[in-house]
Amino acid sequence: MPIYEFQCSKCGYIFEEIHKTLAVSSHCPVCKEQGKKSIAKKILSRSNFNVKGYNARNGYSKKAP
């Protein structure tokens, strides 16, 4: 199951949740505790993997002969 990252539209709190399906929105746990209703939207998060053989500064790490 994928882990999605959400940000609350009212308080700005960022949190992660595991969802079985493609999630577009969720409810903020901070606002929920305070008795408020707010919807948190999915945000684009950084990837957790690196592609071997490519360097962002220099291009490909192996130089052609």
Protein backbone atom coordinates (compact mmCIF):
# COMPACT_ATOMS: atom_id res chain seq x y z
CA MET A 1 0.00 0.00 0.00
CA PRO A 2 1.38 3.42 -0.91
CA ILE A 3 2.12 6.13 1.62
CA TYR A 4 0.75 9.55 0.68
CA GLU A 5 1.77 12.92 2.12
CA PHE A 6 -0.97 15.46 2.91
CA GLN A 7 -1.05 19.12 3.99
CA CYS A 8 -3.96 20.68 5.86
CA SER A 9 -5.57 23.66 4.15
CA LYS A 10 -6.37 25.40 7.48
CA CYS A 11 -3.42 24.81 9.82
CA GLY A 12 -0.72 23.78 7.32
CA TYR A 13 0.15 20.55 9.19
CA ILE A 14 1.92 17.96 6.99
CA PHE A 15 1.34 14.26 7.70
CA GLU A 16 1.57 10.84 6.04
CA GLU A 17 -1.12 8.19 5.66
CA ILE A 18 -1.28 4.75 4.11
CA HIS A 19 -4.18 4.28 1.67
CA LYS A 20 -5.34 1.25 -0.28
CA THR A 21 -6.59 3.34 -3.18
CA LEU A 22 -5.40 6.53 -4.87
CA ALA A 23 -6.15 9.19 -2.28
CA VAL A 24 -6.73 12.81 -3.28
CA SER A 25 -7.71 14.19 0.13
CA SER A 26 -7.89 13.19 3.79
CA HIS A 27 -8.89 14.72 7.12
CA CYS A 28 -6.31 16.58 9.22
CA PRO A 29 -5.63 14.79 12.54
CA VAL A 30 -4.70 18.06 14.35
CA CYS A 31 -7.88 19.89 13.37
CA LYS A 32 -9.93 16.76 14.07
CA GLU A 33 -8.66 16.73 17.70
CA GLN A 34 -9.61 20.39 18.08
CA GLY A 35 -13.14 19.70 16.84
CA LYS A 36 -12.66 21.50 13.54
CA LYS A 37 -13.43 20.03 10.14
CA SER A 38 -10.77 20.53 7.51
CA ILE A 39 -9.64 18.69 4.44
CA ALA A 40 -5.98 18.06 3.75
CA LYS A 41 -4.88 17.76 0.13
CA LYS A 42 -2.24 15.41 -1.22
CA ILE A 43 1.11 17.07 -1.90
CA LEU A 44 3.99 15.99 -4.08
CA SER A 45 6.73 14.57 -1.89
CA ARG A 46 10.39 13.87 -2.60
CA SER A 47 11.28 10.44 -3.93
CA ASN A 48 13.21 8.05 -1.73
CA PHE A 49 15.38 6.43 -4.39
CA ASN A 50 18.36 7.36 -6.55
CA VAL A 51 18.93 6.35 -10.14
CA LYS A 52 22.39 4.84 -10.49
CA GLY A 53 24.61 6.01 -13.31
CA TYR A 54 23.34 9.56 -13.52
CA ASN A 55 24.76 12.58 -11.72
CA ALA A 56 22.60 15.71 -11.74
CA ARG A 57 25.61 18.00 -12.03
CA ASN A 58 27.72 16.17 -14.58
CA GLY A 59 25.29 13.97 -16.47
CA TYR A 60 26.12 10.28 -16.71
CA SER A 61 28.84 9.13 -14.32
CA LYS A 62 30.58 6.85 -16.85
CA LYS A 63 32.21 8.84 -19.60
CA ALA A 64 32.18 7.58 -23.17
CA PRO A 65 35.57 6.37 -24.47
